[in-house]
């Protein structure tokens, strides 16, 4: 990686660099042992989310969880009832 940076006249600020880290946290995810996982704090937030009471709260929840759909097996089937609630015809 360092050779590629040098070949392209790109430089790193060594004070901001960390090497040989056991994991990397970024964008609400964590790269650990060559696997991308959800941050534990985000998992707890979803588990403790209060049930939505109106359309905006359903949309907010779906927006938050939609970012993590790649981590949740069967997300589309789980979210389908909530998505139906967002239709205009649904009271």
PDB file of N, CA and C in Angstrom:
ATOM      1  N   UNK A   1       0.817  -1.175   0.000  1.00  0.00           N
ATOM      2  CA  UNK A   1       0.000   0.000   0.000  1.00  0.00           C
ATOM      3  C   UNK A   1       0.870   1.251   0.000  1.00  0.00           C
ATOM      4  N   UNK A   2       1.886   1.275   0.825  1.00  0.00           N
ATOM      5  CA  UNK A   2       2.756   2.441   0.906  1.00  0.00           C
ATOM      6  C   UNK A   2       3.477   2.685  -0.412  1.00  0.00           C
ATOM      7  N   UNK A   3       3.873   1.620  -1.080  1.00  0.00           N
ATOM      8  CA  UNK A   3       4.543   1.753  -2.373  1.00  0.00           C
ATOM      9  C   UNK A   3       3.592   2.368  -3.400  1.00  0.00           C
ATOM     10  N   UNK A   4       2.343   1.936  -3.406  1.00  0.00           N
ATOM     11  CA  UNK A   4       1.338   2.476  -4.329  1.00  0.00           C
ATOM     12  C   UNK A   4       1.111   3.960  -4.066  1.00  0.00           C
ATOM     13  N   UNK A   5       1.031   4.337  -2.811  1.00  0.00           N
ATOM     14  CA  UNK A   5       0.879   5.756  -2.471  1.00  0.00           C
ATOM     15  C   UNK A   5       2.061   6.568  -2.998  1.00  0.00           C
ATOM     16  N   UNK A   6       3.255   6.081  -2.771  1.00  0.00           N
ATOM     17  CA  UNK A   6       4.460   6.776  -3.234  1.00  0.00           C
ATOM     18  C   UNK A   6       4.525   6.878  -4.749  1.00  0.00           C
ATOM     19  N   UNK A   7       4.137   5.821  -5.431  1.00  0.00           N
ATOM     20  CA  UNK A   7       4.150   5.832  -6.903  1.00  0.00           C
ATOM     21  C   UNK A   7       3.177   6.854  -7.473  1.00  0.00           C
ATOM     22  N   UNK A   8       2.161   7.204  -6.720  1.00  0.00           N
ATOM     23  CA  UNK A   8       1.148   8.157  -7.186  1.00  0.00           C
ATOM     24  C   UNK A   8       1.275   9.519  -6.508  1.00  0.00           C
ATOM     25  N   UNK A   9       2.437   9.783  -5.928  1.00  0.00           N
ATOM     26  CA  UNK A   9       2.705  11.056  -5.246  1.00  0.00           C
ATOM     27  C   UNK A   9       1.661  11.401  -4.193  1.00  0.00           C
ATOM     28  N   UNK A  10       1.229  10.403  -3.452  1.00  0.00           N
ATOM     29  CA  UNK A  10       0.295  10.603  -2.346  1.00  0.00           C
ATOM     30  C   UNK A  10       1.042  10.360  -1.043  1.00  0.00           C
ATOM     31  N   UNK A  11       0.677  11.115  -0.015  1.00  0.00           N
ATOM     32  CA  UNK A  11       1.399  11.027   1.237  1.00  0.00           C
ATOM     33  C   UNK A  11       0.427  10.844   2.394  1.00  0.00           C
ATOM     34  N   UNK A  12       0.931  10.277   3.479  1.00  0.00           N
ATOM     35  CA  UNK A  12       0.145  10.070   4.685  1.00  0.00           C
ATOM     36  C   UNK A  12       0.677  10.952   5.801  1.00  0.00           C
ATOM     37  N   UNK A  13      -0.216  11.398   6.657  1.00  0.00           N
ATOM     38  CA  UNK A  13       0.189  12.077   7.880  1.00  0.00           C
ATOM     39  C   UNK A  13       0.405  10.978   8.919  1.00  0.00           C
ATOM     40  N   UNK A  14       1.641  10.676   9.218  1.00  0.00           N
ATOM     41  CA  UNK A  14       1.981   9.540  10.077  1.00  0.00           C
ATOM     42  C   UNK A  14       1.359   9.666  11.469  1.00  0.00           C
ATOM     43  N   UNK A  15       1.107  10.921  11.933  1.00  0.00           N
ATOM     44  CA  UNK A  15       0.482  11.108  13.247  1.00  0.00           C
ATOM     45  C   UNK A  15      -0.963  10.632  13.271  1.00  0.00           C
ATOM     46  N   UNK A  16      -1.594  10.554  12.093  1.00  0.00           N
ATOM     47  CA  UNK A  16      -2.990  10.123  12.010  1.00  0.00           C
ATOM     48  C   UNK A  16      -3.126   8.652  11.610  1.00  0.00           C
ATOM     49  N   UNK A  17      -2.022   7.990  11.396  1.00  0.00           N
ATOM     50  CA  UNK A  17      -2.041   6.596  10.929  1.00  0.00           C
ATOM     51  C   UNK A  17      -1.897   5.616  12.090  1.00  0.00           C
ATOM     52  N   UNK A  18      -2.578   4.496  11.958  1.00  0.00           N
ATOM     53  CA  UNK A  18      -2.449   3.399  12.905  1.00  0.00           C
ATOM     54  C   UNK A  18      -2.241   2.127  12.089  1.00  0.00           C
ATOM     55  N   UNK A  19      -1.234   1.385  12.439  1.00  0.00           N
ATOM     56  CA  UNK A  19      -0.916   0.167  11.702  1.00  0.00           C
ATOM     57  C   UNK A  19      -1.138  -1.056  12.586  1.00  0.00           C
ATOM     58  N   UNK A  20      -1.386  -2.188  11.944  1.00  0.00           N
ATOM     59  CA  UNK A  20      -1.556  -3.489  12.602  1.00  0.00           C
ATOM     60  C   UNK A  20      -2.623  -3.442  13.696  1.00  0.00           C
ATOM     61  N   UNK A  21      -3.761  -2.860  13.383  1.00  0.00           N
ATOM     62  CA  UNK A  21      -4.880  -2.791  14.318  1.00  0.00           C
ATOM     63  C   UNK A  21      -5.694  -4.092  14.234  1.00  0.00           C
ATOM     64  N   UNK A  22      -6.243  -4.584  15.348  1.00  0.00           N
ATOM     65  CA  UNK A  22      -7.037  -5.814  15.315  1.00  0.00           C
ATOM     66  C   UNK A  22      -8.378  -5.624  14.603  1.00  0.00           C
ATOM     67  N   UNK A  23      -8.862  -4.363  14.564  1.00  0.00           N
ATOM     68  CA  UNK A  23     -10.117  -4.071  13.877  1.00  0.00           C
ATOM     69  C   UNK A  23     -10.134  -2.609  13.453  1.00  0.00           C
ATOM     70  N   UNK A  24     -11.014  -2.291  12.505  1.00  0.00           N
ATOM     71  CA  UNK A  24     -11.178  -0.923  12.029  1.00  0.00           C
ATOM     72  C   UNK A  24     -12.661  -0.596  12.077  1.00  0.00           C
ATOM     73  N   UNK A  25     -13.026   0.483  12.762  1.00  0.00           N
ATOM     74  CA  UNK A  25     -14.416   0.941  12.812  1.00  0.00           C
ATOM     75  C   UNK A  25     -14.612   2.032  11.774  1.00  0.00           C
ATOM     76  N   UNK A  26     -15.681   1.910  10.975  1.00  0.00           N
ATOM     77  CA  UNK A  26     -15.982   2.941   9.995  1.00  0.00           C
ATOM     78  C   UNK A  26     -17.427   2.839   9.542  1.00  0.00           C
ATOM     79  N   UNK A  27     -18.067   3.982   9.323  1.00  0.00           N
ATOM     80  CA  UNK A  27     -19.418   4.071   8.775  1.00  0.00           C
ATOM     81  C   UNK A  27     -20.412   3.130   9.445  1.00  0.00           C
ATOM     82  N   UNK A  28     -20.339   3.000  10.744  1.00  0.00           N
ATOM     83  CA  UNK A  28     -21.278   2.150  11.460  1.00  0.00           C
ATOM     84  C   UNK A  28     -20.966   0.675  11.362  1.00  0.00           C
ATOM     85  N   UNK A  29     -19.838   0.338  10.797  1.00  0.00           N
ATOM     86  CA  UNK A  29     -19.443  -1.062  10.662  1.00  0.00           C
ATOM     87  C   UNK A  29     -18.077  -1.291  11.274  1.00  0.00           C
ATOM     88  N   UNK A  30     -17.687  -2.537  11.287  1.00  0.00           N
ATOM     89  CA  UNK A  30     -16.390  -2.902  11.847  1.00  0.00           C
ATOM     90  C   UNK A  30     -15.780  -3.992  10.982  1.00  0.00           C
ATOM     91  N   UNK A  31     -14.542  -3.782  10.561  1.00  0.00           N
ATOM     92  CA  UNK A  31     -13.802  -4.787   9.806  1.00  0.00           C
ATOM     93  C   UNK A  31     -12.901  -5.511  10.790  1.00  0.00           C
ATOM     94  N   UNK A  32     -13.155  -6.816  10.932  1.00  0.00           N
ATOM     95  CA  UNK A  32     -12.409  -7.617  11.895  1.00  0.00           C
ATOM     96  C   UNK A  32     -12.221  -9.008  11.313  1.00  0.00           C
ATOM     97  N   UNK A  33     -10.994  -9.484  11.302  1.00  0.00           N
ATOM     98  CA  UNK A  33     -10.677 -10.807  10.734  1.00  0.00           C
ATOM     99  C   UNK A  33     -11.205 -10.943   9.309  1.00  0.00           C
ATOM    100  N   UNK A  34     -11.017  -9.907   8.512  1.00  0.00           N
ATOM    101  CA  UNK A  34     -11.467  -9.871   7.111  1.00  0.00           C
ATOM    102  C   UNK A  34     -12.964 -10.068   6.963  1.00  0.00           C
ATOM    103  N   UNK A  35     -13.734  -9.717   7.975  1.00  0.00           N
ATOM    104  CA  UNK A  35     -15.193  -9.768   7.909  1.00  0.00           C
ATOM    105  C   UNK A  35     -15.753  -8.416   8.314  1.00  0.00           C
ATOM    106  N   UNK A  36     -16.773  -7.967   7.575  1.00  0.00           N
ATOM    107  CA  UNK A  36     -17.443  -6.722   7.902  1.00  0.00           C
ATOM    108  C   UNK A  36     -18.613  -7.044   8.819  1.00  0.00           C
ATOM    109  N   UNK A  37     -18.672  -6.374   9.974  1.00  0.00           N
ATOM    110  CA  UNK A  37     -19.717  -6.624  10.962  1.00  0.00           C
ATOM    111  C   UNK A  37     -20.341  -5.294  11.379  1.00  0.00           C
ATOM    112  N   UNK A  38     -21.526  -5.377  11.982  1.00  0.00           N
ATOM    113  CA  UNK A  38     -22.164  -4.183  12.526  1.00  0.00           C
ATOM    114  C   UNK A  38     -21.504  -3.802  13.842  1.00  0.00           C
ATOM    115  N   UNK A  39     -21.483  -2.506  14.125  1.00  0.00           N
ATOM    116  CA  UNK A  39     -21.000  -2.036  15.420  1.00  0.00           C
ATOM    117  C   UNK A  39     -21.975  -2.478  16.498  1.00  0.00           C
ATOM    118  N   UNK A  40     -21.467  -2.922  17.628  1.00  0.00           N
ATOM    119  CA  UNK A  40     -22.324  -3.395  18.719  1.00  0.00           C
ATOM    120  C   UNK A  40     -23.270  -2.297  19.216  1.00  0.00           C
ATOM    121  N   UNK A  41     -22.804  -1.063  19.233  1.00  0.00           N
ATOM    122  CA  UNK A  41     -23.651   0.043  19.670  1.00  0.00           C
ATOM    123  C   UNK A  41     -24.867   0.218  18.774  1.00  0.00           C
ATOM    124  N   UNK A  42     -24.686   0.002  17.483  1.00  0.00           N
ATOM    125  CA  UNK A  42     -25.802   0.120  16.534  1.00  0.00           C
ATOM    126  C   UNK A  42     -26.781  -1.034  16.712  1.00  0.00           C
ATOM    127  N   UNK A  43     -26.270  -2.222  16.995  1.00  0.00           N
ATOM    128  CA  UNK A  43     -27.132  -3.385  17.232  1.00  0.00           C
ATOM    129  C   UNK A  43     -28.005  -3.136  18.458  1.00  0.00           C
ATOM    130  N   UNK A  44     -27.404  -2.621  19.517  1.00  0.00           N
ATOM    131  CA  UNK A  44     -28.160  -2.321  20.743  1.00  0.00           C
ATOM    132  C   UNK A  44     -29.225  -1.263  20.483  1.00  0.00           C
ATOM    133  N   UNK A  45     -28.884  -0.273  19.649  1.00  0.00           N
ATOM    134  CA  UNK A  45     -29.833   0.794  19.347  1.00  0.00           C
ATOM    135  C   UNK A  45     -31.073   0.231  18.649  1.00  0.00           C
ATOM    136  N   UNK A  46     -30.881  -0.698  17.718  1.00  0.00           N
ATOM    137  CA  UNK A  46     -32.017  -1.313  17.016  1.00  0.00           C
ATOM    138  C   UNK A  46     -32.828  -2.170  17.975  1.00  0.00           C
ATOM    139  N   UNK A  47     -32.154  -2.938  18.813  1.00  0.00           N
ATOM    140  CA  UNK A  47     -32.852  -3.809  19.761  1.00  0.00           C
ATOM    141  C   UNK A  47     -33.690  -3.015  20.754  1.00  0.00           C
ATOM    142  N   UNK A  48     -33.221  -1.830  21.139  1.00  0.00           N
ATOM    143  CA  UNK A  48     -33.910  -1.026  22.145  1.00  0.00           C
ATOM    144  C   UNK A  48     -34.833   0.034  21.538  1.00  0.00           C
ATOM    145  N   UNK A  49     -34.993   0.022  20.219  1.00  0.00           N
ATOM    146  CA  UNK A  49     -35.828   1.015  19.545  1.00  0.00           C
ATOM    147  C   UNK A  49     -37.280   0.853  19.991  1.00  0.00           C
ATOM    148  N   UNK A  50     -37.911   1.935  20.361  1.00  0.00           N
ATOM    149  CA  UNK A  50     -39.321   1.880  20.748  1.00  0.00           C
ATOM    150  C   UNK A  50     -40.181   1.623  19.514  1.00  0.00           C
ATOM    151  N   UNK A  51     -41.289   0.897  19.664  1.00  0.00           N
ATOM    152  CA  UNK A  51     -42.151   0.620  18.506  1.00  0.00           C
ATOM    153  C   UNK A  51     -42.655   1.931  17.890  1.00  0.00           C
ATOM    154  N   UNK A  52     -42.602   2.032  16.562  1.00  0.00           N
ATOM    155  CA  UNK A  52     -43.063   3.252  15.896  1.00  0.00           C
ATOM    156  C   UNK A  52     -44.569   3.440  16.096  1.00  0.00           C
ATOM    157  N   UNK A  53     -44.999   4.698  16.277  1.00  0.00           N
ATOM    158  CA  UNK A  53     -46.408   4.995  16.511  1.00  0.00           C
ATOM    159  C   UNK A  53     -47.066   5.751  15.372  1.00  0.00           C
ATOM    160  N   UNK A  54     -46.264   6.259  14.436  1.00  0.00           N
ATOM    161  CA  UNK A  54     -46.839   6.983  13.308  1.00  0.00           C
ATOM    162  C   UNK A  54     -45.978   6.767  12.065  1.00  0.00           C
ATOM    163  N   UNK A  55     -46.414   7.308  10.959  1.00  0.00           N
ATOM    164  CA  UNK A  55     -45.734   7.091   9.681  1.00  0.00           C
ATOM    165  C   UNK A  55     -44.282   7.559   9.720  1.00  0.00           C
ATOM    166  N   UNK A  56     -44.040   8.729  10.253  1.00  0.00           N
ATOM    167  CA  UNK A  56     -42.673   9.267  10.294  1.00  0.00           C
ATOM    168  C   UNK A  56     -41.742   8.372  11.107  1.00  0.00           C
ATOM    169  N   UNK A  57     -42.233   7.826  12.197  1.00  0.00           N
ATOM    170  CA  UNK A  57     -41.403   6.948  13.022  1.00  0.00           C
ATOM    171  C   UNK A  57     -41.111   5.628  12.312  1.00  0.00           C
ATOM    172  N   UNK A  58     -42.082   5.111  11.559  1.00  0.00           N
ATOM    173  CA  UNK A  58     -41.850   3.893  10.759  1.00  0.00           C
ATOM    174  C   UNK A  58     -40.799   4.181   9.701  1.00  0.00           C
ATOM    175  N   UNK A  59     -40.923   5.312   9.017  1.00  0.00           N
ATOM    176  CA  UNK A  59     -39.956   5.676   7.981  1.00  0.00           C
ATOM    177  C   UNK A  59     -38.567   5.877   8.570  1.00  0.00           C
ATOM    178  N   UNK A  60     -38.488   6.486   9.724  1.00  0.00           N
ATOM    179  CA  UNK A  60     -37.201   6.715  10.397  1.00  0.00           C
ATOM    180  C   UNK A  60     -36.542   5.377  10.738  1.00  0.00           C
ATOM    181  N   UNK A  61     -37.331   4.448  11.281  1.00  0.00           N
ATOM    182  CA  UNK A  61     -36.793   3.131  11.632  1.00  0.00           C
ATOM    183  C   UNK A  61     -36.316   2.382  10.393  1.00  0.00           C
ATOM    184  N   UNK A  62     -37.130   2.390   9.333  1.00  0.00           N
ATOM    185  CA  UNK A  62     -36.741   1.699   8.102  1.00  0.00           C
ATOM    186  C   UNK A  62     -35.502   2.334   7.483  1.00  0.00           C
ATOM    187  N   UNK A  63     -35.386   3.647   7.582  1.00  0.00           N
ATOM    188  CA  UNK A  63     -34.198   4.320   7.065  1.00  0.00           C
ATOM    189  C   UNK A  63     -32.946   3.915   7.822  1.00  0.00           C
ATOM    190  N   UNK A  64     -33.060   3.837   9.133  1.00  0.00           N
ATOM    191  CA  UNK A  64     -31.914   3.443   9.958  1.00  0.00           C
ATOM    192  C   UNK A  64     -31.522   2.000   9.681  1.00  0.00           C
ATOM    193  N   UNK A  65     -32.509   1.103   9.691  1.00  0.00           N
ATOM    194  CA  UNK A  65     -32.195  -0.320   9.508  1.00  0.00           C
ATOM    195  C   UNK A  65     -31.852  -0.648   8.059  1.00  0.00           C
ATOM    196  N   UNK A  66     -32.350   0.135   7.120  1.00  0.00           N
ATOM    197  CA  UNK A  66     -32.073  -0.126   5.707  1.00  0.00           C
ATOM    198  C   UNK A  66     -30.598  -0.061   5.374  1.00  0.00           C
ATOM    199  N   UNK A  67     -29.874   0.793   6.074  1.00  0.00           N
ATOM    200  CA  UNK A  67     -28.426   0.883   5.860  1.00  0.00           C
ATOM    201  C   UNK A  67     -27.743  -0.429   6.225  1.00  0.00           C
ATOM    202  N   UNK A  68     -28.296  -1.132   7.191  1.00  0.00           N
ATOM    203  CA  UNK A  68     -27.694  -2.375   7.685  1.00  0.00           C
ATOM    204  C   UNK A  68     -28.319  -3.628   7.087  1.00  0.00           C
ATOM    205  N   UNK A  69     -29.117  -3.501   6.047  1.00  0.00           N
ATOM    206  CA  UNK A  69     -29.818  -4.650   5.472  1.00  0.00           C
ATOM    207  C   UNK A  69     -28.874  -5.759   5.014  1.00  0.00           C
ATOM    208  N   UNK A  70     -27.637  -5.407   4.675  1.00  0.00           N
ATOM    209  CA  UNK A  70     -26.676  -6.423   4.237  1.00  0.00           C
ATOM    210  C   UNK A  70     -26.239  -7.328   5.385  1.00  0.00           C
ATOM    211  N   UNK A  71     -26.386  -6.854   6.600  1.00  0.00           N
ATOM    212  CA  UNK A  71     -25.981  -7.631   7.767  1.00  0.00           C
ATOM    213  C   UNK A  71     -27.117  -8.480   8.331  1.00  0.00           C
ATOM    214  N   UNK A  72     -28.353  -8.194   7.909  1.00  0.00           N
ATOM    215  CA  UNK A  72     -29.519  -8.845   8.502  1.00  0.00           C
ATOM    216  C   UNK A  72     -30.075  -9.870   7.528  1.00  0.00           C
ATOM    217  N   UNK A  73     -29.944 -11.142   7.875  1.00  0.00           N
ATOM    218  CA  UNK A  73     -30.434 -12.208   7.016  1.00  0.00           C
ATOM    219  C   UNK A  73     -31.960 -12.128   6.917  1.00  0.00           C
ATOM    220  N   UNK A  74     -32.484 -12.133   5.694  1.00  0.00           N
ATOM    221  CA  UNK A  74     -33.924 -12.076   5.468  1.00  0.00           C
ATOM    222  C   UNK A  74     -34.521 -10.712   5.764  1.00  0.00           C
ATOM    223  N   UNK A  75     -33.718  -9.649   5.618  1.00  0.00           N
ATOM    224  CA  UNK A  75     -34.195  -8.301   5.958  1.00  0.00           C
ATOM    225  C   UNK A  75     -35.458  -7.932   5.199  1.00  0.00           C
ATOM    226  N   UNK A  76     -35.526  -8.234   3.917  1.00  0.00           N
ATOM    227  CA  UNK A  76     -36.694  -7.821   3.126  1.00  0.00           C
ATOM    228  C   UNK A  76     -37.977  -8.459   3.657  1.00  0.00           C
ATOM    229  N   UNK A  77     -37.916  -9.720   4.065  1.00  0.00           N
ATOM    230  CA  UNK A  77     -39.102 -10.385   4.619  1.00  0.00           C
ATOM    231  C   UNK A  77     -39.483  -9.794   5.978  1.00  0.00           C
ATOM    232  N   UNK A  78     -38.484  -9.429   6.768  1.00  0.00           N
ATOM    233  CA  UNK A  78     -38.737  -8.852   8.083  1.00  0.00           C
ATOM    234  C   UNK A  78     -39.343  -7.453   7.941  1.00  0.00           C
ATOM    235  N   UNK A  79     -38.827  -6.678   6.999  1.00  0.00           N
ATOM    236  CA  UNK A  79     -39.255  -5.286   6.847  1.00  0.00           C
ATOM    237  C   UNK A  79     -40.543  -5.134   6.041  1.00  0.00           C
ATOM    238  N   UNK A  80     -40.968  -6.181   5.335  1.00  0.00           N
ATOM    239  CA  UNK A  80     -42.133  -6.078   4.453  1.00  0.00           C
ATOM    240  C   UNK A  80     -43.395  -5.552   5.160  1.00  0.00           C
ATOM    241  N   UNK A  81     -43.771  -6.067   6.327  1.00  0.00           N
ATOM    242  CA  UNK A  81     -44.962  -5.529   7.002  1.00  0.00           C
ATOM    243  C   UNK A  81     -44.836  -4.037   7.328  1.00  0.00           C
ATOM    244  N   UNK A  82     -43.635  -3.608   7.695  1.00  0.00           N
ATOM    245  CA  UNK A  82     -43.432  -2.191   7.988  1.00  0.00           C
ATOM    246  C   UNK A  82     -43.503  -1.353   6.720  1.00  0.00           C
ATOM    247  N   UNK A  83     -42.962  -1.882   5.623  1.00  0.00           N
ATOM    248  CA  UNK A  83     -43.033  -1.161   4.352  1.00  0.00           C
ATOM    249  C   UNK A  83     -44.480  -0.996   3.895  1.00  0.00           C
ATOM    250  N   UNK A  84     -45.313  -2.001   4.146  1.00  0.00           N
ATOM    251  CA  UNK A  84     -46.729  -1.900   3.786  1.00  0.00           C
ATOM    252  C   UNK A  84     -47.412  -0.772   4.558  1.00  0.00           C
ATOM    253  N   UNK A  85     -46.946  -0.518   5.774  1.00  0.00           N
ATOM    254  CA  UNK A  85     -47.523   0.558   6.572  1.00  0.00           C
ATOM    255  C   UNK A  85     -47.229   1.942   5.996  1.00  0.00           C
ATOM    256  N   UNK A  86     -46.220   2.048   5.157  1.00  0.00           N
ATOM    257  CA  UNK A  86     -45.856   3.350   4.612  1.00  0.00           C
ATOM    258  C   UNK A  86     -46.635   3.705   3.345  1.00  0.00           C
ATOM    259  N   UNK A  87     -47.442   2.792   2.849  1.00  0.00           N
ATOM    260  CA  UNK A  87     -48.255   3.077   1.656  1.00  0.00           C
ATOM    261  C   UNK A  87     -49.330   4.102   1.994  1.00  0.00           C
ATOM    262  N   UNK A  88     -49.676   4.917   1.003  1.00  0.00           N
ATOM    263  CA  UNK A  88     -50.681   5.963   1.226  1.00  0.00           C
ATOM    264  C   UNK A  88     -52.040   5.392   1.573  1.00  0.00           C
ATOM    265  N   UNK A  89     -52.387   4.246   1.017  1.00  0.00           N
ATOM    266  CA  UNK A  89     -53.711   3.647   1.239  1.00  0.00           C
ATOM    267  C   UNK A  89     -53.856   3.046   2.638  1.00  0.00           C
ATOM    268  N   UNK A  90     -52.765   2.910   3.368  1.00  0.00           N
ATOM    269  CA  UNK A  90     -52.798   2.303   4.699  1.00  0.00           C
ATOM    270  C   UNK A  90     -53.176   3.348   5.748  1.00  0.00           C
ATOM    271  N   UNK A  91     -54.238   3.090   6.509  1.00  0.00           N
ATOM    272  CA  UNK A  91     -54.626   4.061   7.558  1.00  0.00           C
ATOM    273  C   UNK A  91     -53.622   4.046   8.724  1.00  0.00           C
TER     274      UNK A  91
END
